[in-house]
Amino acid sequence: MDKLHSSGMVEHLRSWHHNERPLLGICLGLQLLFESSEEGHTPGLGILKGHVQRLPEDQCERIPHMGWGQLRPQQPCPLLPDSETAPWVYFVHSYAAIPSKPSDLAATVAFGQDAATAMVWNKRTGACQFHPEKSAEAGARLLHHWITWLESGAELPQ
């Protein structure tokens, strides 16, 4: 957030979302969308309501959580068509977002006995906690869905 503030990008990103222009965040890009994080003292962008908290150490073999996990779709999202099997994607993270609005939660992933936020979606802003660029064919397919959605006029999911 400090770098975004010093570059003058904070208000541009907030305006971009407010004007419903397409925005995709990846990993830290998902976490920055929220109001606050346990990882730092600077408020987040506040584009999405909620906060980011450290993953509970008693829920996993190790932190950071690293490895493959299958997405569990929660809400319609242009990146996860209903016609496809939920993909396995690659995670590397120590913190997870807790959206205040259940409708912003697009997908989760199993984490210990619980689940962690894997994707969020609000208006035309989407983000994934995982790394599509490290997720082989599944990640390429997700990014392809993003591009196809943009090319189609970026209509919101029904």
N, C-alpha and C. Protein backbone atom coordinates (compact mmCIF):
# COMPACT_ATOMS: atom_id res chain seq x y z
N MET A 1 0.83 -1.19 0.00
CA MET A 1 0.00 0.00 0.00
C MET A 1 0.87 1.24 0.00
N ASP A 2 2.00 1.19 0.72
CA ASP A 2 2.88 2.36 0.72
C ASP A 2 3.35 2.69 -0.69
N LYS A 3 3.69 1.66 -1.46
CA LYS A 3 4.14 1.90 -2.84
C LYS A 3 3.00 2.45 -3.70
N LEU A 4 1.78 1.93 -3.50
CA LEU A 4 0.64 2.46 -4.26
C LEU A 4 0.38 3.92 -3.90
N HIS A 5 0.50 4.26 -2.62
CA HIS A 5 0.31 5.66 -2.21
C HIS A 5 1.39 6.55 -2.82
N SER A 6 2.63 6.11 -2.73
CA SER A 6 3.73 6.96 -3.23
C SER A 6 3.68 7.12 -4.75
N SER A 7 3.10 6.16 -5.44
CA SER A 7 2.99 6.26 -6.90
C SER A 7 1.75 7.04 -7.34
N GLY A 8 0.86 7.35 -6.39
CA GLY A 8 -0.36 8.06 -6.73
C GLY A 8 -1.45 7.18 -7.32
N MET A 9 -1.30 5.86 -7.20
CA MET A 9 -2.24 4.93 -7.84
C MET A 9 -3.50 4.65 -7.03
N VAL A 10 -3.51 4.95 -5.74
CA VAL A 10 -4.64 4.56 -4.88
C VAL A 10 -5.95 5.14 -5.40
N GLU A 11 -6.01 6.42 -5.60
CA GLU A 11 -7.26 7.03 -6.06
C GLU A 11 -7.64 6.58 -7.46
N HIS A 12 -6.64 6.32 -8.31
CA HIS A 12 -6.93 5.82 -9.66
C HIS A 12 -7.58 4.44 -9.60
N LEU A 13 -7.06 3.57 -8.74
CA LEU A 13 -7.63 2.22 -8.61
C LEU A 13 -9.03 2.28 -8.02
N ARG A 14 -9.24 3.10 -7.02
CA ARG A 14 -10.58 3.24 -6.44
C ARG A 14 -11.56 3.79 -7.48
N SER A 15 -11.14 4.78 -8.23
CA SER A 15 -11.98 5.36 -9.28
C SER A 15 -12.28 4.33 -10.37
N TRP A 16 -11.27 3.57 -10.74
CA TRP A 16 -11.42 2.53 -11.76
C TRP A 16 -12.55 1.57 -11.36
N HIS A 17 -12.51 1.10 -10.10
CA HIS A 17 -13.56 0.20 -9.61
C HIS A 17 -14.91 0.92 -9.54
N HIS A 18 -14.92 2.12 -9.00
CA HIS A 18 -16.16 2.87 -8.85
C HIS A 18 -16.84 3.07 -10.21
N ASN A 19 -16.05 3.26 -11.24
CA ASN A 19 -16.58 3.44 -12.60
C ASN A 19 -16.84 2.12 -13.31
N GLU A 20 -16.74 1.02 -12.55
CA GLU A 20 -17.02 -0.34 -13.04
C GLU A 20 -16.19 -0.72 -14.26
N ARG A 21 -14.93 -0.36 -14.21
CA ARG A 21 -13.99 -0.77 -15.26
C ARG A 21 -13.35 -2.08 -14.81
N PRO A 22 -13.04 -2.99 -15.71
CA PRO A 22 -12.50 -4.29 -15.34
C PRO A 22 -11.14 -4.19 -14.64
N LEU A 23 -11.02 -4.95 -13.54
CA LEU A 23 -9.79 -4.96 -12.76
C LEU A 23 -9.57 -6.37 -12.25
N LEU A 24 -8.37 -6.90 -12.43
CA LEU A 24 -8.02 -8.24 -11.97
C LEU A 24 -6.81 -8.16 -11.05
N GLY A 25 -6.96 -8.67 -9.84
CA GLY A 25 -5.87 -8.73 -8.88
C GLY A 25 -5.39 -10.16 -8.72
N ILE A 26 -4.09 -10.32 -8.50
CA ILE A 26 -3.51 -11.65 -8.30
C ILE A 26 -2.69 -11.64 -7.02
N CYS A 27 -2.94 -12.61 -6.16
CA CYS A 27 -2.25 -12.84 -4.89
C CYS A 27 -2.33 -11.60 -3.99
N LEU A 28 -1.25 -10.87 -3.82
CA LEU A 28 -1.28 -9.66 -3.02
C LEU A 28 -2.29 -8.68 -3.59
N GLY A 29 -2.50 -8.73 -4.91
CA GLY A 29 -3.49 -7.87 -5.55
C GLY A 29 -4.89 -8.12 -5.02
N LEU A 30 -5.21 -9.33 -4.60
CA LEU A 30 -6.49 -9.62 -3.96
C LEU A 30 -6.51 -8.98 -2.57
N GLN A 31 -5.46 -9.17 -1.81
CA GLN A 31 -5.43 -8.69 -0.43
C GLN A 31 -5.50 -7.16 -0.36
N LEU A 32 -4.88 -6.47 -1.29
CA LEU A 32 -4.89 -5.01 -1.29
C LEU A 32 -6.27 -4.41 -1.54
N LEU A 33 -7.17 -5.19 -2.13
CA LEU A 33 -8.52 -4.70 -2.41
C LEU A 33 -9.33 -4.45 -1.14
N PHE A 34 -8.96 -5.07 -0.03
CA PHE A 34 -9.76 -5.01 1.19
C PHE A 34 -9.41 -3.80 2.05
N GLU A 35 -10.20 -3.60 3.09
CA GLU A 35 -10.07 -2.42 3.94
C GLU A 35 -8.83 -2.43 4.82
N SER A 36 -8.45 -3.62 5.30
CA SER A 36 -7.31 -3.69 6.22
C SER A 36 -6.68 -5.07 6.17
N SER A 37 -5.48 -5.15 6.76
CA SER A 37 -4.75 -6.41 6.81
C SER A 37 -3.93 -6.49 8.09
N GLU A 38 -3.86 -7.67 8.65
CA GLU A 38 -3.00 -7.91 9.81
C GLU A 38 -1.52 -7.81 9.43
N GLU A 39 -1.23 -7.86 8.15
CA GLU A 39 0.16 -7.85 7.69
C GLU A 39 0.80 -6.47 7.78
N GLY A 40 0.01 -5.44 7.80
CA GLY A 40 0.57 -4.09 7.85
C GLY A 40 -0.36 -3.15 8.58
N HIS A 41 0.09 -1.92 8.73
CA HIS A 41 -0.69 -0.93 9.47
C HIS A 41 -1.41 0.05 8.54
N THR A 42 -1.05 0.08 7.27
CA THR A 42 -1.66 0.99 6.32
C THR A 42 -2.98 0.40 5.85
N PRO A 43 -4.07 1.17 5.86
CA PRO A 43 -5.34 0.65 5.34
C PRO A 43 -5.20 0.22 3.88
N GLY A 44 -6.02 -0.76 3.49
CA GLY A 44 -6.03 -1.22 2.11
C GLY A 44 -6.82 -0.27 1.23
N LEU A 45 -7.06 -0.69 0.01
CA LEU A 45 -7.79 0.14 -0.95
C LEU A 45 -9.25 0.34 -0.54
N GLY A 46 -9.81 -0.60 0.20
CA GLY A 46 -11.20 -0.47 0.62
C GLY A 46 -12.19 -0.65 -0.52
N ILE A 47 -11.75 -1.22 -1.62
CA ILE A 47 -12.65 -1.49 -2.74
C ILE A 47 -13.65 -2.57 -2.35
N LEU A 48 -13.18 -3.55 -1.58
CA LEU A 48 -14.05 -4.59 -1.05
C LEU A 48 -14.09 -4.46 0.46
N LYS A 49 -15.25 -4.70 1.04
CA LYS A 49 -15.41 -4.65 2.49
C LYS A 49 -14.90 -5.95 3.10
N GLY A 50 -14.13 -5.81 4.17
CA GLY A 50 -13.58 -6.97 4.85
C GLY A 50 -12.14 -6.72 5.21
N HIS A 51 -11.49 -7.77 5.71
CA HIS A 51 -10.09 -7.63 6.12
C HIS A 51 -9.31 -8.89 5.74
N VAL A 52 -8.01 -8.77 5.90
CA VAL A 52 -7.09 -9.86 5.59
C VAL A 52 -6.43 -10.27 6.89
N GLN A 53 -6.42 -11.57 7.16
CA GLN A 53 -5.80 -12.04 8.40
C GLN A 53 -4.84 -13.18 8.11
N ARG A 54 -3.90 -13.34 9.02
CA ARG A 54 -2.91 -14.42 8.90
C ARG A 54 -3.63 -15.76 8.97
N LEU A 55 -3.19 -16.68 8.14
CA LEU A 55 -3.76 -18.02 8.18
C LEU A 55 -3.46 -18.65 9.54
N PRO A 56 -4.42 -19.37 10.11
CA PRO A 56 -4.18 -19.99 11.41
C PRO A 56 -3.17 -21.13 11.32
N GLU A 57 -2.14 -21.04 12.13
CA GLU A 57 -1.06 -22.03 12.07
C GLU A 57 -1.50 -23.42 12.50
N ASP A 58 -2.56 -23.52 13.28
CA ASP A 58 -3.03 -24.84 13.72
C ASP A 58 -3.87 -25.55 12.67
N GLN A 59 -4.08 -24.91 11.52
CA GLN A 59 -4.90 -25.48 10.45
C GLN A 59 -4.08 -26.11 9.32
N CYS A 60 -2.77 -26.00 9.38
CA CYS A 60 -1.96 -26.40 8.24
C CYS A 60 -0.62 -26.91 8.73
N GLU A 61 0.02 -27.70 7.89
CA GLU A 61 1.35 -28.21 8.23
C GLU A 61 2.37 -27.10 8.34
N ARG A 62 2.22 -26.08 7.49
CA ARG A 62 3.19 -24.99 7.50
C ARG A 62 2.57 -23.72 6.92
N ILE A 63 3.14 -22.62 7.33
CA ILE A 63 2.81 -21.31 6.77
C ILE A 63 4.12 -20.80 6.17
N PRO A 64 4.18 -20.38 4.93
CA PRO A 64 3.05 -20.15 4.06
C PRO A 64 2.40 -21.43 3.55
N HIS A 65 1.12 -21.30 3.24
CA HIS A 65 0.37 -22.37 2.59
C HIS A 65 0.86 -22.42 1.15
N MET A 66 1.49 -23.52 0.78
CA MET A 66 2.05 -23.67 -0.56
C MET A 66 1.57 -24.97 -1.16
N GLY A 67 1.18 -24.90 -2.42
CA GLY A 67 0.81 -26.12 -3.12
C GLY A 67 -0.49 -25.97 -3.88
N TRP A 68 -0.94 -27.10 -4.40
CA TRP A 68 -2.12 -27.14 -5.26
C TRP A 68 -3.38 -27.32 -4.43
N GLY A 69 -4.43 -26.66 -4.85
CA GLY A 69 -5.74 -26.80 -4.21
C GLY A 69 -6.82 -26.66 -5.25
N GLN A 70 -7.92 -27.40 -5.05
CA GLN A 70 -9.04 -27.31 -5.99
C GLN A 70 -10.00 -26.22 -5.54
N LEU A 71 -10.35 -25.37 -6.48
CA LEU A 71 -11.28 -24.29 -6.18
C LEU A 71 -12.67 -24.86 -5.89
N ARG A 72 -13.37 -24.20 -4.97
CA ARG A 72 -14.75 -24.52 -4.63
C ARG A 72 -15.59 -23.29 -4.97
N PRO A 73 -16.22 -23.26 -6.15
CA PRO A 73 -17.01 -22.09 -6.53
C PRO A 73 -18.11 -21.80 -5.52
N GLN A 74 -18.31 -20.50 -5.22
CA GLN A 74 -19.32 -20.06 -4.26
C GLN A 74 -20.37 -19.16 -4.91
N GLN A 75 -19.95 -18.34 -5.87
CA GLN A 75 -20.83 -17.39 -6.55
C GLN A 75 -20.45 -17.38 -8.03
N PRO A 76 -21.40 -16.98 -8.91
CA PRO A 76 -21.05 -16.87 -10.33
C PRO A 76 -19.90 -15.89 -10.55
N CYS A 77 -19.02 -16.27 -11.46
CA CYS A 77 -17.84 -15.47 -11.75
C CYS A 77 -17.40 -15.77 -13.19
N PRO A 78 -17.12 -14.76 -13.99
CA PRO A 78 -16.72 -15.00 -15.38
C PRO A 78 -15.47 -15.86 -15.53
N LEU A 79 -14.64 -15.95 -14.51
CA LEU A 79 -13.42 -16.74 -14.61
C LEU A 79 -13.67 -18.23 -14.39
N LEU A 80 -14.82 -18.57 -13.80
CA LEU A 80 -15.14 -19.97 -13.49
C LEU A 80 -16.49 -20.36 -14.09
N PRO A 81 -16.50 -20.69 -15.37
CA PRO A 81 -17.78 -21.08 -15.99
C PRO A 81 -18.38 -22.31 -15.32
N ASP A 82 -19.70 -22.31 -15.17
CA ASP A 82 -20.40 -23.45 -14.56
C ASP A 82 -20.16 -24.74 -15.34
N SER A 83 -19.88 -24.62 -16.62
CA SER A 83 -19.72 -25.80 -17.48
C SER A 83 -18.41 -26.54 -17.26
N GLU A 84 -17.48 -25.96 -16.51
CA GLU A 84 -16.17 -26.58 -16.31
C GLU A 84 -16.03 -27.14 -14.89
N THR A 85 -15.25 -28.20 -14.79
CA THR A 85 -14.90 -28.74 -13.49
C THR A 85 -14.03 -27.74 -12.77
N ALA A 86 -14.25 -27.61 -11.46
CA ALA A 86 -13.45 -26.66 -10.68
C ALA A 86 -11.97 -27.01 -10.81
N PRO A 87 -11.15 -26.04 -11.19
CA PRO A 87 -9.73 -26.31 -11.44
C PRO A 87 -8.89 -26.44 -10.17
N TRP A 88 -7.76 -27.11 -10.33
CA TRP A 88 -6.71 -27.17 -9.32
C TRP A 88 -5.73 -26.07 -9.67
N VAL A 89 -5.39 -25.24 -8.68
CA VAL A 89 -4.51 -24.10 -8.91
C VAL A 89 -3.45 -24.04 -7.81
N TYR A 90 -2.40 -23.24 -8.05
CA TYR A 90 -1.24 -23.21 -7.16
C TYR A 90 -1.27 -21.99 -6.24
N PHE A 91 -1.12 -22.25 -4.94
CA PHE A 91 -1.14 -21.22 -3.90
C PHE A 91 0.23 -21.05 -3.25
N VAL A 92 0.54 -19.82 -2.89
CA VAL A 92 1.68 -19.49 -2.02
C VAL A 92 1.23 -18.25 -1.25
N HIS A 93 0.79 -18.45 0.01
CA HIS A 93 0.32 -17.30 0.79
C HIS A 93 0.32 -17.61 2.28
N SER A 94 0.40 -16.55 3.06
CA SER A 94 0.36 -16.66 4.52
C SER A 94 -0.84 -15.94 5.10
N TYR A 95 -1.55 -15.18 4.27
CA TYR A 95 -2.70 -14.40 4.71
C TYR A 95 -3.88 -14.70 3.79
N ALA A 96 -5.08 -14.54 4.33
CA ALA A 96 -6.28 -14.78 3.53
C ALA A 96 -7.32 -13.70 3.81
N ALA A 97 -8.05 -13.32 2.79
CA ALA A 97 -9.09 -12.31 2.92
C ALA A 97 -10.34 -12.91 3.55
N ILE A 98 -11.01 -12.08 4.32
CA ILE A 98 -12.30 -12.43 4.91
C ILE A 98 -13.30 -11.37 4.43
N PRO A 99 -13.98 -11.64 3.31
CA PRO A 99 -14.94 -10.65 2.80
C PRO A 99 -16.11 -10.47 3.76
N SER A 100 -16.54 -9.22 3.95
CA SER A 100 -17.71 -8.94 4.79
C SER A 100 -19.00 -9.33 4.08
N LYS A 101 -19.02 -9.22 2.76
CA LYS A 101 -20.20 -9.54 1.98
C LYS A 101 -20.04 -10.93 1.37
N PRO A 102 -20.88 -11.90 1.76
CA PRO A 102 -20.78 -13.24 1.16
C PRO A 102 -20.87 -13.23 -0.36
N SER A 103 -21.58 -12.26 -0.92
CA SER A 103 -21.72 -12.20 -2.38
C SER A 103 -20.41 -11.86 -3.08
N ASP A 104 -19.41 -11.35 -2.37
CA ASP A 104 -18.10 -11.06 -2.96
C ASP A 104 -17.21 -12.30 -3.04
N LEU A 105 -17.56 -13.36 -2.34
CA LEU A 105 -16.75 -14.57 -2.30
C LEU A 105 -17.07 -15.44 -3.51
N ALA A 106 -16.17 -15.51 -4.47
CA ALA A 106 -16.40 -16.28 -5.69
C ALA A 106 -15.97 -17.74 -5.56
N ALA A 107 -14.90 -18.00 -4.80
CA ALA A 107 -14.43 -19.38 -4.63
C ALA A 107 -13.58 -19.48 -3.37
N THR A 108 -13.59 -20.68 -2.79
CA THR A 108 -12.74 -20.98 -1.65
C THR A 108 -11.84 -22.15 -2.02
N VAL A 109 -10.92 -22.46 -1.10
CA VAL A 109 -10.06 -23.62 -1.23
C VAL A 109 -9.97 -24.26 0.15
N ALA A 110 -9.86 -25.58 0.19
CA ALA A 110 -9.72 -26.27 1.46
C ALA A 110 -8.44 -25.81 2.14
N PHE A 111 -8.55 -25.55 3.45
CA PHE A 111 -7.39 -25.19 4.24
C PHE A 111 -7.58 -25.80 5.62
N GLY A 112 -6.84 -26.88 5.90
CA GLY A 112 -7.02 -27.61 7.15
C GLY A 112 -8.45 -28.11 7.26
N GLN A 113 -9.08 -27.86 8.39
CA GLN A 113 -10.47 -28.27 8.61
C GLN A 113 -11.45 -27.29 8.02
N ASP A 114 -10.97 -26.14 7.59
CA ASP A 114 -11.83 -25.07 7.10
C ASP A 114 -11.58 -24.79 5.63
N ALA A 115 -11.93 -23.59 5.22
CA ALA A 115 -11.69 -23.13 3.84
C ALA A 115 -11.13 -21.71 3.91
N ALA A 116 -10.37 -21.35 2.91
CA ALA A 116 -9.82 -20.00 2.80
C ALA A 116 -10.33 -19.38 1.51
N THR A 117 -10.40 -18.07 1.49
CA THR A 117 -10.82 -17.35 0.28
C THR A 117 -9.80 -17.59 -0.82
N ALA A 118 -10.29 -18.01 -1.99
CA ALA A 118 -9.44 -18.24 -3.14
C ALA A 118 -9.68 -17.21 -4.24
N MET A 119 -10.94 -16.75 -4.37
CA MET A 119 -11.29 -15.76 -5.39
C MET A 119 -12.40 -14.86 -4.86
N VAL A 120 -12.35 -13.61 -5.29
CA VAL A 120 -13.43 -12.66 -4.99
C VAL A 120 -13.90 -12.02 -6.28
N TRP A 121 -15.13 -11.54 -6.28
CA TRP A 121 -15.68 -10.87 -7.45
C TRP A 121 -16.72 -9.87 -7.00
N ASN A 122 -16.62 -8.62 -7.50
CA ASN A 122 -17.58 -7.58 -7.19
C ASN A 122 -17.65 -6.64 -8.40
N LYS A 123 -18.85 -6.51 -8.96
CA LYS A 123 -19.05 -5.72 -10.17
C LYS A 123 -18.12 -6.23 -11.26
N ARG A 124 -17.13 -5.45 -11.65
CA ARG A 124 -16.18 -5.87 -12.68
C ARG A 124 -14.77 -6.01 -12.10
N THR A 125 -14.69 -6.14 -10.77
CA THR A 125 -13.41 -6.35 -10.10
C THR A 125 -13.34 -7.79 -9.62
N GLY A 126 -12.32 -8.48 -10.07
CA GLY A 126 -12.10 -9.85 -9.63
C GLY A 126 -10.67 -10.01 -9.15
N ALA A 127 -10.46 -11.02 -8.33
CA ALA A 127 -9.10 -11.28 -7.85
C ALA A 127 -8.99 -12.73 -7.41
N CYS A 128 -7.78 -13.25 -7.54
CA CYS A 128 -7.51 -14.61 -7.10
C CYS A 128 -6.31 -14.60 -6.14
N GLN A 129 -6.43 -15.38 -5.07
CA GLN A 129 -5.35 -15.51 -4.10
C GLN A 129 -4.23 -16.38 -4.66
N PHE A 130 -4.59 -17.31 -5.50
CA PHE A 130 -3.62 -18.23 -6.11
C PHE A 130 -2.89 -17.55 -7.26
N HIS A 131 -1.95 -18.27 -7.83
CA HIS A 131 -1.13 -17.75 -8.93
C HIS A 131 -1.51 -18.46 -10.23
N PRO A 132 -2.32 -17.82 -11.10
CA PRO A 132 -2.65 -18.47 -12.37
C PRO A 132 -1.41 -18.72 -13.21
N GLU A 133 -0.43 -17.84 -13.12
CA GLU A 133 0.79 -18.00 -13.93
C GLU A 133 1.63 -19.20 -13.50
N LYS A 134 1.35 -19.76 -12.33
CA LYS A 134 2.06 -20.95 -11.85
C LYS A 134 1.14 -22.17 -11.84
N SER A 135 -0.08 -22.00 -12.36
CA SER A 135 -1.09 -23.05 -12.26
C SER A 135 -1.28 -23.83 -13.56
N ALA A 136 -0.26 -23.86 -14.39
CA ALA A 136 -0.25 -24.67 -15.61
C ALA A 136 -1.48 -24.37 -16.48
N GLU A 137 -2.05 -25.42 -17.07
CA GLU A 137 -3.16 -25.26 -18.00
C GLU A 137 -4.38 -24.62 -17.34
N ALA A 138 -4.65 -24.98 -16.08
CA ALA A 138 -5.81 -24.41 -15.38
C ALA A 138 -5.66 -22.89 -15.25
N GLY A 139 -4.48 -22.42 -14.92
CA GLY A 139 -4.24 -20.99 -14.80
C GLY A 139 -4.36 -20.28 -16.14
N ALA A 140 -3.83 -20.91 -17.18
CA ALA A 140 -3.94 -20.33 -18.52
C ALA A 140 -5.40 -20.24 -18.94
N ARG A 141 -6.19 -21.26 -18.59
CA ARG A 141 -7.61 -21.26 -18.93
C ARG A 141 -8.34 -20.13 -18.18
N LEU A 142 -8.02 -19.92 -16.91
CA LEU A 142 -8.64 -18.82 -16.15
C LEU A 142 -8.31 -17.47 -16.77
N LEU A 143 -7.05 -17.27 -17.14
CA LEU A 143 -6.67 -16.01 -17.77
C LEU A 143 -7.32 -15.86 -19.14
N HIS A 144 -7.48 -16.98 -19.84
CA HIS A 144 -8.19 -16.96 -21.13
C HIS A 144 -9.65 -16.54 -20.92
N HIS A 145 -10.28 -17.05 -19.86
CA HIS A 145 -11.66 -16.65 -19.54
C HIS A 145 -11.74 -15.14 -19.28
N TRP A 146 -10.72 -14.61 -18.59
CA TRP A 146 -10.68 -13.17 -18.32
C TRP A 146 -10.65 -12.38 -19.63
N ILE A 147 -9.76 -12.78 -20.52
CA ILE A 147 -9.61 -12.08 -21.80
C ILE A 147 -10.88 -12.21 -22.64
N THR A 148 -11.46 -13.40 -22.68
CA THR A 148 -12.70 -13.62 -23.43
C THR A 148 -13.82 -12.75 -22.86
N TRP A 149 -13.89 -12.67 -21.54
CA TRP A 149 -14.90 -11.85 -20.88
C TRP A 149 -14.71 -10.38 -21.25
N LEU A 150 -13.47 -9.91 -21.24
CA LEU A 150 -13.19 -8.53 -21.62
C LEU A 150 -13.61 -8.27 -23.07
N GLU A 151 -13.24 -9.20 -23.96
CA GLU A 151 -13.55 -9.05 -25.38
C GLU A 151 -15.05 -9.08 -25.65
N SER A 152 -15.81 -9.76 -24.78
CA SER A 152 -17.25 -9.87 -24.99
C SER A 152 -18.00 -8.65 -24.47
N GLY A 153 -17.28 -7.68 -23.95
CA GLY A 153 -17.92 -6.48 -23.42
C GLY A 153 -17.99 -6.48 -21.91
N ALA A 154 -17.37 -7.45 -21.27
CA ALA A 154 -17.28 -7.52 -19.81
C ALA A 154 -18.65 -7.46 -19.15
N GLU A 155 -19.58 -8.28 -19.65
CA GLU A 155 -20.89 -8.33 -19.04
C GLU A 155 -20.80 -9.03 -17.69
N LEU A 156 -21.61 -8.59 -16.75
CA LEU A 156 -21.63 -9.19 -15.43
C LEU A 156 -22.29 -10.56 -15.48
N PRO A 157 -21.87 -11.49 -14.59
CA PRO A 157 -22.50 -12.82 -14.58
C PRO A 157 -23.97 -12.72 -14.18
N GLN A 158 -24.77 -13.59 -14.72
CA GLN A 158 -26.21 -13.62 -14.40
C GLN A 158 -26.45 -14.44 -13.17
